[in-house]
Amino acid sequence: MKARPLVLSGLVLSALILASLGVGAASIDLGGSDPWTMLVLMQSRLPRTLALLLTGAALAVAGVVIQSLVRNRFVGPDTAGTGESAALGLLAVTLLAPAAPIWVRMIAASLAAMAGTALFLAIVRRLPAREVMLVPIAGLILSGIVGGVVTWIAWEADLLQFVATWLMSGEFSGVIAGRYELLWVAGLAALLAWFAADRFAILSLGDEVATGLGLSSRGVMRLGMVVVSVVSALVVVTVGMIPFIGLVVPNIVARIMGDNLRASIPVVAAGGAGLLLACDLLGRVLRHPYEIPVGTILGIVGSVVFLWLLYRPASHG
């Protein structure tokens, strides 16, 4: 029974991958081997599909991690100020060292995202434990403040177009071979979270319980911050912010499988990748051969799913 959600999600994900490889402005024959088909597949369709898989899976797993850190289901990487902090780090590098290589931008964005996540966790620690809804509200306020600072600095420096690309695009149409490979690092960060799944599960029970079981809560907290920050920063650097993946997918999987993170994280990763692939396909076919950014589609779908999660009582346990 525990393997059924993983098998089902794997089958659905495989179908979505085939559809993603076959849909696009250029007509190709997936069964053929002519040079045009291979060029489109290897330079555009396959990199785009891999970028969607890595982004969706990594963001969904990062959502599980940050929800474990703050012990709240209504928080995601996009509602905790992490993405906006990553954009602030990118903006600082753009202003101070515009010729810096991509790895420098990645490090700066990751460090800034880590600082933003640490600030959010510090704020959450000071909130009343019983006021559950104060946590996402605090995250939204922090996101708004950091985003406002980023927008103001970009306005003064005439860099608003760059900020719009980082924070509001969620665009995969420009992904080609050589422009998505950083996302493999985000995938490795998500894999690291799976190896530490038991530690995050124990930490979600509370600091006192974790300490009583011999777990260093601060060490696990730092590890979680690294995972969330690296994933968020690399996604912002590569394709811009993607909403709702890290918020709705972990909640849906938790309602089906419960809180066994060791078993549920692979399903969460597959669910995040599948949801992002499905929304990207929808954006590609609605106005074919033109595209609607996946961030726009996901904003609509994610808000509907989130409202459903709010008003539908949990059926598990």
Protein backbone atom coordinates (compact mmCIF):
# COMPACT_ATOMS: atom_id res chain seq x y z
CA MET A 1 0.00 0.00 0.00
CA LYS A 2 2.82 2.43 0.80
CA ALA A 3 4.38 1.86 -2.63
CA ARG A 4 1.15 2.57 -4.50
CA PRO A 5 1.37 6.42 -4.43
CA LEU A 6 4.99 6.26 -5.61
CA VAL A 7 4.17 3.88 -8.48
CA LEU A 8 1.14 5.93 -9.52
CA SER A 9 3.06 9.20 -9.40
CA GLY A 10 5.87 7.60 -11.42
CA LEU A 11 3.47 6.49 -14.15
CA VAL A 12 1.82 9.91 -14.37
CA LEU A 13 5.22 11.60 -14.39
CA SER A 14 6.44 9.37 -17.23
CA ALA A 15 3.41 10.28 -19.34
CA LEU A 16 3.98 13.99 -18.67
CA ILE A 17 7.65 13.69 -19.64
CA LEU A 18 6.74 12.14 -23.00
CA ALA A 19 4.15 14.84 -23.59
CA SER A 20 6.67 17.57 -22.70
CA LEU A 21 9.19 16.17 -25.19
CA GLY A 22 6.57 16.09 -27.94
CA VAL A 23 4.83 19.47 -27.48
CA GLY A 24 6.29 22.72 -28.78
CA ALA A 25 6.28 25.31 -31.51
CA ALA A 26 8.42 23.09 -33.77
CA SER A 27 6.87 19.89 -35.12
CA ILE A 28 9.06 16.82 -34.61
CA ASP A 29 8.67 13.06 -34.81
CA LEU A 30 9.74 11.43 -31.54
CA GLY A 31 10.08 8.12 -33.34
CA GLY A 32 12.34 9.55 -36.02
CA SER A 33 16.10 10.04 -36.05
CA ASP A 34 16.53 12.87 -38.56
CA PRO A 35 19.02 15.63 -37.63
CA TRP A 36 16.28 18.26 -37.11
CA THR A 37 14.44 16.13 -34.57
CA MET A 38 17.64 15.32 -32.68
CA LEU A 39 18.67 18.98 -32.67
CA VAL A 40 15.34 20.14 -31.22
CA LEU A 41 15.28 17.32 -28.68
CA MET A 42 18.85 17.67 -27.42
CA GLN A 43 19.13 21.45 -27.46
CA SER A 44 15.63 22.51 -26.35
CA ARG A 45 13.02 19.91 -25.41
CA LEU A 46 15.17 17.62 -23.24
CA PRO A 47 16.91 20.46 -21.32
CA ARG A 48 13.54 22.14 -20.73
CA THR A 49 11.96 18.92 -19.48
CA LEU A 50 14.90 18.20 -17.18
CA ALA A 51 14.78 21.78 -15.86
CA LEU A 52 11.08 21.38 -15.10
CA LEU A 53 11.66 18.05 -13.34
CA LEU A 54 14.53 19.36 -11.22
CA THR A 55 12.79 22.62 -10.34
CA GLY A 56 9.48 21.04 -9.38
CA ALA A 57 11.03 18.22 -7.37
CA ALA A 58 13.54 20.45 -5.55
CA LEU A 59 10.98 23.13 -4.65
CA ALA A 60 8.50 20.55 -3.36
CA VAL A 61 11.15 18.93 -1.16
CA ALA A 62 12.29 22.36 0.05
CA GLY A 63 8.67 22.96 1.06
CA VAL A 64 8.70 19.81 3.18
CA VAL A 65 11.92 20.92 4.84
CA ILE A 66 10.83 24.46 5.73
CA GLN A 67 7.47 23.18 7.00
CA SER A 68 9.38 20.81 9.29
CA LEU A 69 11.66 23.61 10.50
CA VAL A 70 8.78 25.91 11.50
CA ARG A 71 6.29 23.12 12.28
CA ASN A 72 3.60 24.75 10.15
CA ARG A 73 1.85 23.45 7.03
CA PHE A 74 0.98 26.88 5.64
CA VAL A 75 4.56 27.91 4.81
CA GLY A 76 6.57 27.42 1.64
CA PRO A 77 9.89 28.66 0.22
CA ASP A 78 8.00 31.34 -1.71
CA THR A 79 6.18 32.67 1.37
CA ALA A 80 9.09 32.92 3.80
CA GLY A 81 11.15 35.66 2.18
CA THR A 82 13.68 33.15 0.84
CA GLY A 83 13.18 33.90 -2.86
CA GLU A 84 13.16 37.66 -2.32
CA SER A 85 16.34 37.41 -0.27
CA ALA A 86 17.98 35.44 -3.08
CA ALA A 87 16.97 38.19 -5.50
CA LEU A 88 18.52 40.75 -3.12
CA GLY A 89 21.81 38.84 -3.25
CA LEU A 90 21.66 38.68 -7.05
CA LEU A 91 20.96 42.40 -7.19
CA ALA A 92 23.94 43.15 -4.95
CA VAL A 93 26.27 41.15 -7.22
CA THR A 94 24.80 42.82 -10.32
CA LEU A 95 25.52 46.25 -8.87
CA LEU A 96 28.91 45.57 -7.28
CA ALA A 97 30.39 43.05 -9.72
CA PRO A 98 28.38 42.99 -12.95
CA ALA A 99 30.97 40.81 -14.71
CA ALA A 100 30.98 38.15 -11.97
CA PRO A 101 30.68 34.55 -13.23
CA ILE A 102 27.53 32.54 -12.65
CA TRP A 103 28.99 30.57 -9.72
CA VAL A 104 29.65 33.83 -7.84
CA ARG A 105 26.03 34.87 -8.42
CA MET A 106 24.89 31.47 -7.20
CA ILE A 107 26.90 31.74 -3.98
CA ALA A 108 25.74 35.30 -3.32
CA ALA A 109 22.11 34.38 -3.91
CA SER A 110 22.41 31.30 -1.68
CA LEU A 111 24.01 33.24 1.18
CA ALA A 112 21.38 35.99 0.95
CA ALA A 113 18.60 33.39 0.84
CA MET A 114 20.10 31.68 3.89
CA ALA A 115 20.16 34.99 5.77
CA GLY A 116 16.53 35.64 4.85
CA THR A 117 15.49 32.16 5.95
CA ALA A 118 17.38 32.56 9.24
CA LEU A 119 15.59 35.86 9.86
CA PHE A 120 12.24 34.21 9.19
CA LEU A 121 13.01 31.37 11.59
CA ALA A 122 14.10 33.86 14.26
CA ILE A 123 10.79 35.72 13.86
CA VAL A 124 8.80 32.49 14.03
CA ARG A 125 10.54 31.46 17.25
CA ARG A 126 9.21 34.60 18.94
CA LEU A 127 5.58 34.04 17.90
CA PRO A 128 3.05 32.41 20.25
CA ALA A 129 3.07 28.66 19.64
CA ARG A 130 -0.73 28.40 19.51
CA GLU A 131 -1.21 31.15 16.93
CA VAL A 132 -0.69 28.93 13.89
CA MET A 133 -1.80 31.46 11.28
CA LEU A 134 0.69 34.08 12.49
CA VAL A 135 3.55 32.08 10.94
CA PRO A 136 2.47 32.37 7.27
CA ILE A 137 1.39 35.96 7.88
CA ALA A 138 4.85 36.77 9.24
CA GLY A 139 6.40 35.11 6.20
CA LEU A 140 4.25 37.11 3.79
CA ILE A 141 5.10 40.35 5.59
CA LEU A 142 8.82 39.54 5.49
CA SER A 143 8.54 38.66 1.79
CA GLY A 144 6.82 41.97 1.12
CA ILE A 145 9.42 43.98 3.00
CA VAL A 146 12.41 42.31 1.35
CA GLY A 147 10.69 42.45 -2.04
CA GLY A 148 10.01 46.15 -1.52
CA VAL A 149 13.67 46.80 -0.72
CA VAL A 150 14.71 44.88 -3.85
CA THR A 151 12.26 46.83 -6.02
CA TRP A 152 13.37 50.20 -4.58
CA ILE A 153 17.06 49.49 -5.16
CA ALA A 154 16.34 48.21 -8.67
CA TRP A 155 14.27 51.32 -9.41
CA GLU A 156 17.12 53.58 -8.33
CA ALA A 157 19.63 51.57 -10.38
CA ASP A 158 17.36 51.15 -13.43
CA LEU A 159 17.34 47.35 -13.03
CA LEU A 160 13.61 46.70 -12.68
CA GLN A 161 13.59 44.46 -15.72
CA PHE A 162 16.12 42.13 -14.09
CA VAL A 163 14.10 42.00 -10.87
CA ALA A 164 10.93 41.19 -12.81
CA THR A 165 12.77 38.28 -14.42
CA TRP A 166 13.91 36.94 -11.05
CA LEU A 167 10.73 37.41 -9.02
CA MET A 168 7.77 37.30 -11.40
CA SER A 169 8.60 35.22 -14.47
CA GLY A 170 8.66 31.49 -13.79
CA GLU A 171 9.61 31.17 -17.44
CA PHE A 172 11.10 28.06 -19.08
CA SER A 173 10.88 29.04 -22.75
CA GLY A 174 14.48 30.29 -22.71
CA VAL A 175 15.90 27.09 -21.20
CA ILE A 176 18.31 25.40 -23.59
CA ALA A 177 21.36 23.18 -23.23
CA GLY A 178 24.00 25.03 -21.22
CA ARG A 179 21.53 27.28 -19.37
CA TYR A 180 19.91 24.96 -16.84
CA GLU A 181 22.71 22.80 -15.43
CA LEU A 182 22.85 24.67 -12.11
CA LEU A 183 19.51 23.06 -11.30
CA TRP A 184 21.31 19.73 -10.84
CA VAL A 185 22.82 21.25 -7.70
CA ALA A 186 19.28 22.00 -6.49
CA GLY A 187 18.38 18.38 -7.20
CA LEU A 188 21.36 17.22 -5.12
CA ALA A 189 20.22 19.49 -2.27
CA ALA A 190 16.79 17.85 -2.41
CA LEU A 191 18.46 14.42 -2.35
CA LEU A 192 20.39 15.50 0.74
CA ALA A 193 17.08 16.35 2.39
CA TRP A 194 15.86 12.81 1.72
CA PHE A 195 18.93 11.32 3.39
CA ALA A 196 18.22 13.52 6.44
CA ALA A 197 14.46 12.90 6.35
CA ASP A 198 14.35 11.17 9.75
CA ARG A 199 16.15 14.10 11.38
CA PHE A 200 13.67 16.60 9.93
CA ALA A 201 10.77 14.41 11.08
CA ILE A 202 12.12 14.36 14.63
CA LEU A 203 12.78 18.12 14.58
CA SER A 204 9.17 18.73 13.55
CA LEU A 205 8.09 17.24 16.90
CA GLY A 206 9.75 20.11 18.78
CA ASP A 207 13.18 21.10 20.08
CA GLU A 208 12.66 19.42 23.45
CA VAL A 209 11.69 16.09 21.89
CA ALA A 210 14.60 16.28 19.43
CA THR A 211 17.07 17.05 22.23
CA GLY A 212 15.63 14.25 24.34
CA LEU A 213 16.25 11.81 21.49
CA GLY A 214 19.88 12.92 21.22
CA LEU A 215 19.44 15.07 18.10
CA SER A 216 21.23 18.39 17.67
CA SER A 217 18.32 20.62 16.72
CA ARG A 218 20.61 23.50 15.72
CA GLY A 219 22.60 21.28 13.38
CA VAL A 220 19.45 19.99 11.68
CA MET A 221 18.14 23.55 11.50
CA ARG A 222 21.29 24.68 9.72
CA LEU A 223 21.09 21.76 7.30
CA GLY A 224 17.48 22.60 6.51
CA MET A 225 18.37 26.24 5.93
CA VAL A 226 21.10 25.21 3.50
CA VAL A 227 18.73 22.98 1.54
CA VAL A 228 15.95 25.58 1.31
CA SER A 229 18.34 28.43 0.51
CA VAL A 230 20.31 26.61 -2.19
CA VAL A 231 17.17 25.34 -3.91
CA SER A 232 15.43 28.73 -3.83
CA ALA A 233 18.52 30.64 -4.96
CA LEU A 234 19.28 28.35 -7.90
CA VAL A 235 15.69 28.37 -9.10
CA VAL A 236 15.60 32.19 -8.95
CA VAL A 237 18.96 32.42 -10.77
CA THR A 238 17.88 30.02 -13.52
CA VAL A 239 14.16 30.51 -14.22
CA GLY A 240 12.79 32.99 -11.67
CA MET A 241 10.46 32.40 -8.73
CA ILE A 242 7.90 29.58 -8.99
CA PRO A 243 4.88 29.93 -6.66
CA PHE A 244 2.91 27.35 -4.68
CA ILE A 245 4.91 24.19 -5.51
CA GLY A 246 6.55 24.02 -2.09
CA LEU A 247 3.27 24.87 -0.37
CA VAL A 248 0.54 22.71 -1.89
CA VAL A 249 2.38 19.53 -2.92
CA PRO A 250 3.71 18.63 0.58
CA ASN A 251 0.23 19.23 2.02
CA ILE A 252 -1.47 16.98 -0.52
CA VAL A 253 1.04 14.17 -0.02
CA ALA A 254 0.84 14.50 3.78
CA ARG A 255 -2.95 14.07 3.62
CA ILE A 256 -2.48 10.84 1.67
CA MET A 257 0.62 9.33 3.29
CA GLY A 258 0.93 11.02 6.68
CA ASP A 259 4.14 12.40 8.20
CA ASN A 260 6.59 9.60 7.37
CA LEU A 261 9.08 11.82 5.54
CA ARG A 262 11.36 8.94 4.56
CA ALA A 263 8.51 7.39 2.55
CA SER A 264 6.76 10.56 1.42
CA ILE A 265 9.65 12.72 0.16
CA PRO A 266 10.05 10.69 -3.11
CA VAL A 267 6.31 11.09 -3.73
CA VAL A 268 6.55 14.81 -2.90
CA ALA A 269 9.40 15.18 -5.40
CA ALA A 270 7.47 13.33 -8.11
CA GLY A 271 4.34 15.34 -7.33
CA GLY A 272 6.17 18.66 -7.55
CA ALA A 273 7.80 17.70 -10.84
CA GLY A 274 4.49 16.44 -12.24
CA LEU A 275 2.54 19.54 -11.22
CA LEU A 276 5.13 21.85 -12.79
CA LEU A 277 5.24 19.76 -15.96
CA ALA A 278 1.44 19.75 -16.23
CA CYS A 279 1.21 23.52 -15.79
CA ASP A 280 3.99 24.07 -18.32
CA LEU A 281 2.20 21.86 -20.85
CA LEU A 282 -1.02 23.76 -20.26
CA GLY A 283 0.79 27.04 -20.85
CA ARG A 284 2.23 25.69 -24.10
CA VAL A 285 -1.04 24.41 -25.61
CA LEU A 286 -3.52 27.13 -24.57
CA ARG A 287 -2.12 29.66 -27.08
CA HIS A 288 -0.06 27.39 -29.30
CA PRO A 289 2.44 28.22 -30.82
CA TYR A 290 2.76 31.02 -28.23
CA GLU A 291 3.28 30.33 -24.52
CA ILE A 292 1.86 31.47 -21.20
CA PRO A 293 4.56 31.51 -18.47
CA VAL A 294 4.29 28.54 -16.16
CA GLY A 295 4.36 30.89 -13.17
CA THR A 296 1.08 32.43 -14.33
CA ILE A 297 -0.62 29.06 -14.81
CA LEU A 298 0.72 27.76 -11.51
CA GLY A 299 -0.41 30.90 -9.69
CA ILE A 300 -4.01 30.20 -10.73
CA VAL A 301 -3.90 26.43 -10.18
CA GLY A 302 -1.94 26.70 -6.93
CA SER A 303 -4.30 29.27 -5.40
CA VAL A 304 -7.32 27.06 -6.17
CA VAL A 305 -5.63 23.99 -4.68
CA PHE A 306 -4.51 25.95 -1.62
CA LEU A 307 -8.07 27.17 -0.96
CA TRP A 308 -9.26 23.58 -1.30
CA LEU A 309 -6.67 22.47 1.26
CA LEU A 310 -7.82 25.19 3.66
CA TYR A 311 -11.49 24.27 3.55
CA ARG A 312 -11.32 20.48 3.17
CA PRO A 313 -10.69 18.59 6.44
CA ALA A 314 -7.79 16.14 6.48
CA SER A 315 -8.78 12.49 6.02
CA HIS A 316 -5.53 10.89 7.24
CA GLY A 317 -5.09 10.07 10.90
